[in-house]
């Protein structure tokens, strides 16, 4: 069959598909195809669902360079941007915009995520964590750690921060799962996004007339002053709501599983109350596990040369941070979990002007969780075989659907 193809068609057929199949022996490791490509060279073409062939960037240094290069755009509306979004219009907020509009909107929600403001929330997060552990310890065993602990912690925190009723958590969790599920159709994803937008739009409307001490009330004030359109405020609320609970919840459960599979590392973390070691463990787990395996997406605005390869203007870029964080040029023995490693230079939160806005909050929540759960439940262990744990191979956010544990 290949003999009947033209040279251009043969070249197209030989380009591997992305995302790569997850066939790693260890469920915490990136697909071996990504490691093979990283060893071969800086860039390669990959084929997406629509037949387009963006560049796959696997090396840590090249990822950081491109994420800060002004010749690279995060704007989803630009031709060549590798996205399966419901439309080419920007419908998910400022993370898919370029400056100056990205910077204008981001500044409106920066204040609650400053380190000082986040640290003031630490006692409340500690209270939430301890309360959920109390409930778990007083209930039956085994328990699903995802449902009982990993998901409620960040959901309660982001609800309080935004001013979203936690009673509605089933609604927003169900719709956010649809949005990030790789197998959702464009129509299903768009409908879920519409439902969440309507929900947040109604909340912004309520807070316009009855403000409180929360982020949605601040956005409502911006709407009232004419600085922000109400649909923009709702989209920003959707973005913060999804990002604020999905990613951290998956890190809590997946991090716990990784530690249970690395008992010496778990012992070292369980036996310390030293904030520096706990913070270091968080950074290492973020490096080792990074949960957004679909890669950050960009498009080149001008020609860029990397390691002898020419990226043309209009070429898409796929930048998977999971393999960047396993680059041996940046991290010695990268496939080993070592909570004493200095991993602060990882790219789990991205890099450059689009670096994750909520990273101080995520770090603080994980510090409280990892510094509390294993100390308070010292005999915590899996209540199922590792091969029976259901991993999220179908989502853009990686993790586990359930984590049965006992003690």
Protein backbone atom coordinates (compact mmCIF):
# COMPACT_ATOMS: atom_id res chain seq x y z
CA UNK A 1 0.00 0.00 0.00
CA UNK A 2 2.76 2.47 0.92
CA UNK A 3 4.29 2.01 -2.54
CA UNK A 4 1.26 3.74 -4.08
CA UNK A 5 1.69 6.85 -1.93
CA UNK A 6 3.51 9.95 -3.06
CA UNK A 7 6.65 10.97 -1.11
CA UNK A 8 4.63 13.71 0.65
CA UNK A 9 1.87 11.23 1.55
CA UNK A 10 4.43 8.70 2.84
CA UNK A 11 6.05 11.40 4.95
CA UNK A 12 2.64 12.36 6.38
CA UNK A 13 1.80 8.70 7.13
CA UNK A 14 5.07 8.22 9.01
CA UNK A 15 4.41 11.09 11.40
CA UNK A 16 3.37 9.60 14.78
CA UNK A 17 0.03 10.44 16.35
CA UNK A 18 -0.27 12.56 19.48
CA UNK A 19 -1.13 12.08 22.31
CA UNK A 20 1.27 9.17 22.53
CA UNK A 21 -0.13 5.84 23.76
CA UNK A 22 0.40 5.45 27.51
CA UNK A 23 2.31 2.20 27.60
CA UNK A 24 4.88 2.97 30.29
CA UNK A 25 5.59 0.14 32.73
CA UNK A 26 5.14 2.60 35.60
CA UNK A 27 1.83 4.54 35.64
CA UNK A 28 3.65 7.64 36.92
CA UNK A 29 6.01 7.82 33.92
CA UNK A 30 5.45 9.59 30.59
CA UNK A 31 4.86 7.37 27.53
CA UNK A 32 8.12 5.73 26.41
CA UNK A 33 7.64 7.25 22.95
CA UNK A 34 8.17 10.69 24.47
CA UNK A 35 11.39 9.59 26.14
CA UNK A 36 12.63 8.06 22.87
CA UNK A 37 11.94 11.32 21.05
CA UNK A 38 13.68 13.33 23.76
CA UNK A 39 16.78 11.19 23.29
CA UNK A 40 16.65 11.54 19.48
CA UNK A 41 16.42 15.31 19.23
CA UNK A 42 14.79 18.53 20.21
CA UNK A 43 11.81 18.56 17.88
CA UNK A 44 9.66 16.23 15.83
CA UNK A 45 6.37 16.53 13.98
CA UNK A 46 3.29 14.79 15.39
CA UNK A 47 -0.12 14.24 13.82
CA UNK A 48 -3.28 15.43 15.59
CA UNK A 49 -6.93 14.36 15.24
CA UNK A 50 -7.49 16.82 12.34
CA UNK A 51 -4.44 15.77 10.32
CA UNK A 52 -2.43 18.85 11.30
CA UNK A 53 1.24 18.31 12.17
CA UNK A 54 2.53 20.64 14.90
CA UNK A 55 5.99 20.37 16.41
CA UNK A 56 6.43 18.27 19.56
CA UNK A 57 8.94 19.84 21.95
CA UNK A 58 10.35 17.36 24.50
CA UNK A 59 13.50 18.93 25.97
CA UNK A 60 13.32 21.00 29.14
CA UNK A 61 15.54 23.87 27.95
CA UNK A 62 13.68 24.20 24.65
CA UNK A 63 10.32 24.19 26.42
CA UNK A 64 11.32 27.02 28.73
CA UNK A 65 12.83 28.98 25.85
CA UNK A 66 9.71 28.70 23.70
CA UNK A 67 7.31 29.47 26.56
CA UNK A 68 9.07 32.83 27.04
CA UNK A 69 9.73 33.61 23.35
CA UNK A 70 7.78 36.68 22.13
CA UNK A 71 7.60 35.04 18.70
CA UNK A 72 5.30 32.38 20.18
CA UNK A 73 1.56 32.95 20.78
CA UNK A 74 -0.92 31.40 23.21
CA UNK A 75 -3.88 32.87 21.28
CA UNK A 76 -6.27 30.05 20.36
CA UNK A 77 -7.83 32.13 17.56
CA UNK A 78 -4.65 32.24 15.48
CA UNK A 79 -4.42 29.93 12.45
CA UNK A 80 -2.20 26.95 13.17
CA UNK A 81 -2.95 26.83 16.89
CA UNK A 82 -3.27 23.11 17.74
CA UNK A 83 -6.60 22.98 19.55
CA UNK A 84 -9.76 20.88 19.53
CA UNK A 85 -11.80 23.66 21.12
CA UNK A 86 -15.50 23.97 20.36
CA UNK A 87 -14.80 26.96 18.14
CA UNK A 88 -11.92 29.17 17.12
CA UNK A 89 -13.27 31.95 19.31
CA UNK A 90 -11.75 32.34 22.73
CA UNK A 91 -14.28 30.75 25.09
CA UNK A 92 -12.23 29.81 28.14
CA UNK A 93 -10.63 33.04 29.29
CA UNK A 94 -7.34 34.86 29.41
CA UNK A 95 -5.02 31.84 29.47
CA UNK A 96 -5.64 31.52 25.71
CA UNK A 97 -4.88 35.16 24.97
CA UNK A 98 -1.72 37.17 24.38
CA UNK A 99 -0.68 40.40 26.02
CA UNK A 100 -1.86 43.09 26.43
CA UNK A 101 -5.38 41.62 26.79
CA UNK A 102 -4.05 38.60 28.70
CA UNK A 103 -2.23 40.86 31.17
CA UNK A 104 -5.24 43.20 31.58
CA UNK A 105 -7.60 40.39 32.54
CA UNK A 106 -5.07 38.45 34.60
CA UNK A 107 -4.36 41.51 36.77
CA UNK A 108 -8.03 41.57 37.79
CA UNK A 109 -7.72 38.21 39.58
CA UNK A 110 -4.11 38.28 40.78
CA UNK A 111 -4.60 39.70 44.29
CA UNK A 112 -6.15 36.61 45.98
CA UNK A 113 -3.31 34.43 44.67
CA UNK A 114 -0.37 36.41 46.00
CA UNK A 115 1.85 34.50 48.42
CA UNK A 116 0.91 36.76 51.33
CA UNK A 117 -2.82 36.37 50.72
CA UNK A 118 -2.54 32.63 50.20
CA UNK A 119 -0.55 32.19 53.42
CA UNK A 120 -3.36 33.89 55.31
CA UNK A 121 -5.61 31.02 54.15
CA UNK A 122 -3.32 28.29 55.50
CA UNK A 123 -5.09 27.95 58.91
CA UNK A 124 -8.45 27.56 57.14
CA UNK A 125 -7.03 24.94 54.74
CA UNK A 126 -5.51 23.10 57.73
CA UNK A 127 -8.95 23.13 59.37
CA UNK A 128 -10.57 21.70 56.22
CA UNK A 129 -7.93 18.97 55.92
CA UNK A 130 -8.16 17.96 59.59
CA UNK A 131 -11.97 17.90 59.49
CA UNK A 132 -12.04 15.65 56.43
CA UNK A 133 -9.46 13.31 58.00
CA UNK A 134 -11.58 13.17 61.18
CA UNK A 135 -14.62 12.18 59.11
CA UNK A 136 -12.62 9.58 57.22
CA UNK A 137 -11.17 8.02 60.39
CA UNK A 138 -14.59 7.78 62.01
CA UNK A 139 -16.17 6.08 59.01
CA UNK A 140 -16.03 2.61 57.48
CA UNK A 141 -13.01 1.10 55.75
CA UNK A 142 -11.84 0.89 53.05
CA UNK A 143 -12.58 4.36 51.73
CA UNK A 144 -12.17 6.02 48.35
CA UNK A 145 -9.60 8.72 49.06
CA UNK A 146 -10.66 10.67 45.96
CA UNK A 147 -14.27 11.06 47.07
CA UNK A 148 -13.61 11.37 50.80
CA UNK A 149 -10.58 13.66 50.75
CA UNK A 150 -8.71 14.52 47.54
CA UNK A 151 -11.64 16.15 45.77
CA UNK A 152 -13.34 17.90 48.73
CA UNK A 153 -10.17 19.69 49.92
CA UNK A 154 -9.55 21.89 46.86
CA UNK A 155 -13.26 22.12 46.02
CA UNK A 156 -14.05 23.61 49.44
CA UNK A 157 -11.08 25.99 49.20
CA UNK A 158 -11.83 27.30 45.70
CA UNK A 159 -15.54 27.63 46.51
CA UNK A 160 -14.76 29.80 49.52
CA UNK A 161 -12.22 31.84 47.58
CA UNK A 162 -14.54 32.47 44.62
CA UNK A 163 -17.80 32.71 46.54
CA UNK A 164 -19.39 29.64 44.94
CA UNK A 165 -21.83 27.58 47.07
CA UNK A 166 -20.18 24.23 47.86
CA UNK A 167 -23.66 22.69 47.77
CA UNK A 168 -23.41 22.97 43.98
CA UNK A 169 -20.14 21.01 43.77
CA UNK A 170 -21.71 17.99 42.04
CA UNK A 171 -22.93 20.25 39.25
CA UNK A 172 -19.63 21.98 38.54
CA UNK A 173 -17.54 18.84 39.01
CA UNK A 174 -19.70 16.89 36.54
CA UNK A 175 -19.44 19.62 33.91
CA UNK A 176 -15.73 20.20 34.41
CA UNK A 177 -15.14 16.46 33.97
CA UNK A 178 -16.94 16.66 30.61
CA UNK A 179 -14.81 19.61 29.52
CA UNK A 180 -11.49 17.92 30.30
CA UNK A 181 -12.50 14.42 29.12
CA UNK A 182 -10.55 13.56 25.97
CA UNK A 183 -13.46 11.51 24.61
CA UNK A 184 -16.08 14.25 24.96
CA UNK A 185 -17.35 15.49 21.63
CA UNK A 186 -16.96 19.12 20.64
CA UNK A 187 -20.71 19.51 21.20
CA UNK A 188 -20.62 17.92 24.65
CA UNK A 189 -17.67 20.03 25.70
CA UNK A 190 -19.32 23.20 24.41
CA UNK A 191 -22.60 22.40 26.17
CA UNK A 192 -20.83 21.77 29.50
CA UNK A 193 -18.91 25.02 29.14
CA UNK A 194 -22.18 26.81 28.39
CA UNK A 195 -23.84 25.41 31.51
CA UNK A 196 -20.95 26.49 33.72
CA UNK A 197 -20.84 29.92 32.08
CA UNK A 198 -24.56 30.44 32.71
CA UNK A 199 -24.11 29.32 36.31
CA UNK A 200 -21.20 31.69 36.96
CA UNK A 201 -22.95 34.50 35.07
CA UNK A 202 -25.93 34.19 37.41
CA UNK A 203 -23.63 34.27 40.45
CA UNK A 204 -21.86 37.39 39.16
CA UNK A 205 -25.28 38.98 38.71
CA UNK A 206 -26.26 38.15 42.29
CA UNK A 207 -23.03 39.57 43.67
CA UNK A 208 -23.43 42.80 41.71
CA UNK A 209 -26.32 43.68 44.00
CA UNK A 210 -25.13 41.81 47.09
CA UNK A 211 -21.32 41.68 47.21
CA UNK A 212 -19.31 39.65 49.71
CA UNK A 213 -15.61 39.15 50.50
CA UNK A 214 -14.85 36.86 47.59
CA UNK A 215 -13.34 36.92 44.11
CA UNK A 216 -16.62 36.81 42.18
CA UNK A 217 -17.77 39.90 44.09
CA UNK A 218 -14.58 41.69 42.98
CA UNK A 219 -15.25 40.70 39.40
CA UNK A 220 -18.86 41.89 39.77
CA UNK A 221 -17.52 45.26 40.95
CA UNK A 222 -15.37 45.42 37.79
CA UNK A 223 -18.48 44.72 35.72
CA UNK A 224 -20.39 47.44 37.57
CA UNK A 225 -17.57 49.93 36.90
CA UNK A 226 -17.50 49.08 33.19
CA UNK A 227 -13.99 47.58 33.27
CA UNK A 228 -15.20 44.08 32.43
CA UNK A 229 -18.09 42.64 30.46
CA UNK A 230 -20.30 40.27 32.45
CA UNK A 231 -19.67 37.31 30.07
CA UNK A 232 -15.92 37.90 30.50
CA UNK A 233 -16.33 37.78 34.28
CA UNK A 234 -18.29 34.52 34.00
CA UNK A 235 -15.62 32.95 31.76
CA UNK A 236 -12.92 33.93 34.24
CA UNK A 237 -14.97 32.35 37.00
CA UNK A 238 -15.30 29.11 35.00
CA UNK A 239 -11.56 28.99 34.39
CA UNK A 240 -10.69 29.53 38.06
CA UNK A 241 -13.34 27.08 39.28
CA UNK A 242 -12.16 24.23 37.02
CA UNK A 243 -8.44 24.88 37.49
CA UNK A 244 -8.86 25.42 41.22
CA UNK A 245 -10.18 21.97 42.04
CA UNK A 246 -9.43 19.51 39.21
CA UNK A 247 -5.66 19.83 39.12
CA UNK A 248 -5.05 19.91 42.87
CA UNK A 249 -7.49 17.06 43.55
CA UNK A 250 -5.64 14.85 41.09
CA UNK A 251 -2.27 15.79 42.58
CA UNK A 252 -3.47 14.86 46.08
CA UNK A 253 -4.64 11.39 45.05
CA UNK A 254 -1.87 10.65 42.55
CA UNK A 255 0.80 11.98 44.93
CA UNK A 256 -0.50 9.75 47.70
CA UNK A 257 -0.41 6.72 45.40
CA UNK A 258 3.13 7.53 44.26
CA UNK A 259 4.27 7.78 47.89
CA UNK A 260 2.56 4.52 48.82
CA UNK A 261 4.50 2.90 45.97
CA UNK A 262 7.73 4.50 47.26
CA UNK A 263 7.60 3.64 51.00
CA UNK A 264 11.02 5.07 51.87
CA UNK A 265 10.00 8.45 50.51
CA UNK A 266 6.69 8.21 52.34
CA UNK A 267 8.47 7.35 55.60
CA UNK A 268 10.75 10.36 55.25
CA UNK A 269 7.77 12.65 54.68
CA UNK A 270 5.65 11.10 57.42
CA UNK A 271 8.39 11.48 60.02
CA UNK A 272 9.05 15.19 59.46
CA UNK A 273 7.27 18.37 60.43
CA UNK A 274 9.97 20.54 58.87
CA UNK A 275 8.26 23.00 56.49
CA UNK A 276 11.25 23.09 54.13
CA UNK A 277 11.27 19.31 53.59
CA UNK A 278 7.50 19.24 53.14
CA UNK A 279 7.68 22.08 50.62
CA UNK A 280 10.51 20.27 48.82
CA UNK A 281 8.43 17.09 48.67
CA UNK A 282 5.63 19.06 47.02
CA UNK A 283 8.00 20.40 44.36
CA UNK A 284 9.42 16.94 43.67
CA UNK A 285 5.98 15.36 43.38
CA UNK A 286 4.92 18.14 41.00
CA UNK A 287 7.99 17.39 38.89
CA UNK A 288 7.67 13.63 39.06
CA UNK A 289 3.93 13.38 38.41
CA UNK A 290 2.95 16.44 36.42
CA UNK A 291 -0.69 15.77 35.62
CA UNK A 292 -1.44 17.78 32.45
CA UNK A 293 -0.11 15.28 29.94
CA UNK A 294 -1.61 16.78 26.77
CA UNK A 295 1.00 19.51 26.71
CA UNK A 296 0.71 23.25 26.55
CA UNK A 297 -0.23 24.50 23.08
CA UNK A 298 1.27 27.43 21.20
CA UNK A 299 1.70 28.71 17.64
CA UNK A 300 4.76 30.40 16.12
CA UNK A 301 4.32 33.99 14.91
CA UNK A 302 7.72 34.14 13.18
CA UNK A 303 10.35 31.63 12.05
CA UNK A 304 12.30 30.15 14.99
CA UNK A 305 15.32 27.85 14.71
CA UNK A 306 16.02 25.24 17.39
CA UNK A 307 18.83 22.71 17.14
CA UNK A 308 18.94 22.99 13.36
CA UNK A 309 15.16 22.64 12.94
CA UNK A 310 13.20 25.57 11.49
CA UNK A 311 9.80 26.28 12.99
CA UNK A 312 7.89 28.30 10.40
CA UNK A 313 5.44 31.09 11.17
CA UNK A 314 2.03 29.50 11.65
CA UNK A 315 3.42 26.17 12.87
CA UNK A 316 1.73 24.75 15.95
CA UNK A 317 3.69 23.69 19.04
CA UNK A 318 2.86 20.98 21.58
CA UNK A 319 4.91 21.29 24.78
CA UNK A 320 4.30 18.34 27.17
CA UNK A 321 5.63 19.23 30.59
CA UNK A 322 5.61 15.65 31.86
CA UNK A 323 8.58 14.73 29.64
CA UNK A 324 10.24 18.13 30.15
CA UNK A 325 10.28 17.42 33.87
CA UNK A 326 11.99 14.08 33.18
CA UNK A 327 14.84 15.55 31.11
CA UNK A 328 18.16 14.20 32.49
CA UNK A 329 19.85 17.42 31.39
CA UNK A 330 17.73 19.28 33.96
CA UNK A 331 17.20 16.62 36.66
CA UNK A 332 19.70 13.88 37.51
CA UNK A 333 18.19 10.38 37.52
CA UNK A 334 14.84 11.93 36.55
CA UNK A 335 12.72 8.78 36.81
CA UNK A 336 13.47 8.39 40.52
CA UNK A 337 11.22 10.02 43.11
CA UNK A 338 13.41 11.81 45.65
CA UNK A 339 11.68 14.25 47.98
CA UNK A 340 15.07 15.69 49.06
CA UNK A 341 15.86 16.74 45.49
CA UNK A 342 15.85 20.47 44.67
CA UNK A 343 13.11 20.38 42.02
CA UNK A 344 11.93 23.98 42.24
CA UNK A 345 12.91 24.68 38.63
CA UNK A 346 10.33 22.21 37.25
CA UNK A 347 7.84 23.33 34.61
CA UNK A 348 4.71 21.76 36.12
CA UNK A 349 3.11 25.21 36.30
CA UNK A 350 4.45 26.31 32.93
CA UNK A 351 6.88 29.17 32.49
CA UNK A 352 6.83 32.81 31.46
CA UNK A 353 3.89 35.24 31.47
CA UNK A 354 1.34 32.41 31.23
CA UNK A 355 2.73 30.56 34.24
CA UNK A 356 -0.15 29.23 36.37
CA UNK A 357 -1.82 32.04 38.31
CA UNK A 358 -2.95 29.74 41.12
CA UNK A 359 0.38 28.05 41.83
CA UNK A 360 0.86 29.64 45.29
CA UNK A 361 -2.55 28.30 46.34
CA UNK A 362 -1.89 24.83 44.89
CA UNK A 363 1.50 24.65 46.61
CA UNK A 364 0.07 25.68 49.96
CA UNK A 365 -2.81 23.19 49.75
CA UNK A 366 -0.45 20.35 48.84
CA UNK A 367 1.93 21.30 51.64
CA UNK A 368 -0.90 21.10 54.17
CA UNK A 369 -2.19 17.81 52.74
CA UNK A 370 1.17 16.03 52.37
CA UNK A 371 2.30 17.36 55.75
CA UNK A 372 -0.85 16.18 57.55
CA UNK A 373 -2.47 13.10 55.99
CA UNK A 374 0.36 10.58 56.39
CA UNK A 375 1.26 11.80 59.86
CA UNK A 376 -2.33 11.53 61.09
CA UNK A 377 -2.94 8.20 59.30
CA UNK A 378 0.51 6.57 59.66
CA UNK A 379 -0.67 3.11 58.56
CA UNK A 380 -2.41 4.34 55.41
CA UNK A 381 -2.15 1.74 52.65
CA UNK A 382 -3.75 0.71 49.38
CA UNK A 383 -6.84 -1.47 49.66
CA UNK A 384 -6.47 -2.75 46.09
CA UNK A 385 -3.71 -3.97 43.79
CA UNK A 386 -2.01 -1.20 41.83
CA UNK A 387 -3.13 -2.74 38.53
CA UNK A 388 -6.76 -2.45 39.69
CA UNK A 389 -6.57 1.30 40.37
CA UNK A 390 -8.48 3.11 37.56
CA UNK A 391 -6.22 5.75 36.01
CA UNK A 392 -7.52 8.69 33.98
CA UNK A 393 -6.14 7.82 30.58
CA UNK A 394 -9.11 9.55 28.93
CA UNK A 395 -8.65 13.06 30.28
CA UNK A 396 -6.44 16.07 29.71
CA UNK A 397 -5.84 16.05 33.48
CA UNK A 398 -4.20 12.80 34.57
CA UNK A 399 -4.93 11.11 37.87
CA UNK A 400 -7.04 8.30 39.30
CA UNK A 401 -10.82 7.98 39.34
CA UNK A 402 -10.75 6.11 42.63
CA UNK A 403 -8.11 5.33 45.23
CA UNK A 404 -9.30 2.69 47.72
CA UNK A 405 -7.29 2.94 50.94
CA UNK A 406 -7.41 1.52 54.42
CA UNK A 407 -5.29 1.75 57.58
